[in-house]
Amino acid sequence: MDLRLDQIERLAQTLDPVFRDSPQFTATFGTRDVLLKVETMNPLRCFKGRGALAFVDSVEWGVTVIVASSGNFGQAMAYACGRREIPIEVFLPENVNPAKLAAIRSFGAKVHLSGVDTDAAKRNAHEYAGQRSDRLMVRDGNESLIAEGAGTIGVELLRSGPLDTVVVPVGDGALINGIARWVKAHSPSTQVIGVGSTGAPAMVRSWRAGRSVAHPADTIAEGIAIGDPLPQSVRWVHELVDDMVLVDDSAILTAMGQALRGLGILLEPSGAAGLAAVGGVPGERVAVVLTGANARPGQLEAVLAA
């Protein structure tokens, strides 16, 4: 296994404290008590800073970093590169969340609005990066250091005691792969369950098949709207994850409303996907990772009005 436990352990002690030791507490959600891991209380309002900082610390001077993203990975990489004064260019879909676009620009990245969706933006970014040798294409889900940075969440979760189940939204796979790598090594009986959207089932289908299976993505949960999973990420997911489930957009919107009204936690759709699935997963002591709070303008107001 090329996701390294020693790296996850090192990063759990050395990553910027702004992103480490995020709040986690037990609360009643629906009919069950759930350990909530809140990854929204940081400058990025999402978990992506852990992996981005871990990776960018390894980047050599003299390159321009190229990434493609639906938004959160782009802003995390822009933030991390900005701290080291490494130039970065971010490819985004033309319908990008304007709040995420503004954040990426505020961190100093050059932005390319390119493609009708995130998968098209990724293809365009890969072609662009290949045109010059000083451009470094970085793919979320493909780099071990990004997954290892995200795996520090697993370290923190297990500090709360034994867990029966850990529920994680799944986009490119870096988050669940990093968490599962640590959890399965230190608590083998804990089930790690990934959550995808019914409108973007490619990663779930890939996990079941043991190979990358493409499928068009159409969901409000843009952070997990993956249409063409990376083979490396699929290999890790297939080896490490116990189960994968799908939730529809209506269930995600309901979970967003419940989190806001009942828990006082603001979430974007992909950040609420784990909560949307929690009622159907096994186990007495269940943990859910709440991954992001960068909702589109008007989205939370619409949820509250429903």
Foldseek 3Di string as FASTA:
>chain_A
DPQDPVLLVVLQPDPDPLQHPADWDWDDDDHAIAIEGQRQRHPLRFNQLLLLLQVLVPDDPQAEEEEEALASNLLSNLQNCLVVVHAYEYEHAQPRQVLSVVSNVVSPHHYDHAHNARVRSRVVRVVVQVVDPRYHYDYPLQDSSSLSSLLSVLVSVCVVDDAQEEEEEDALQSNLLSNLVNCCVPPVNHAYEYEAAPQACQLQVLLVVLAGDFDQHDAQLRRRRDGTHDGNSSNSCNVRHDYYDHDYRVLLLQQQLCCCVPVVDAAASSLRRRVSCVVPDDDRHYYYYRGGRSHHPPSSVVSNVD
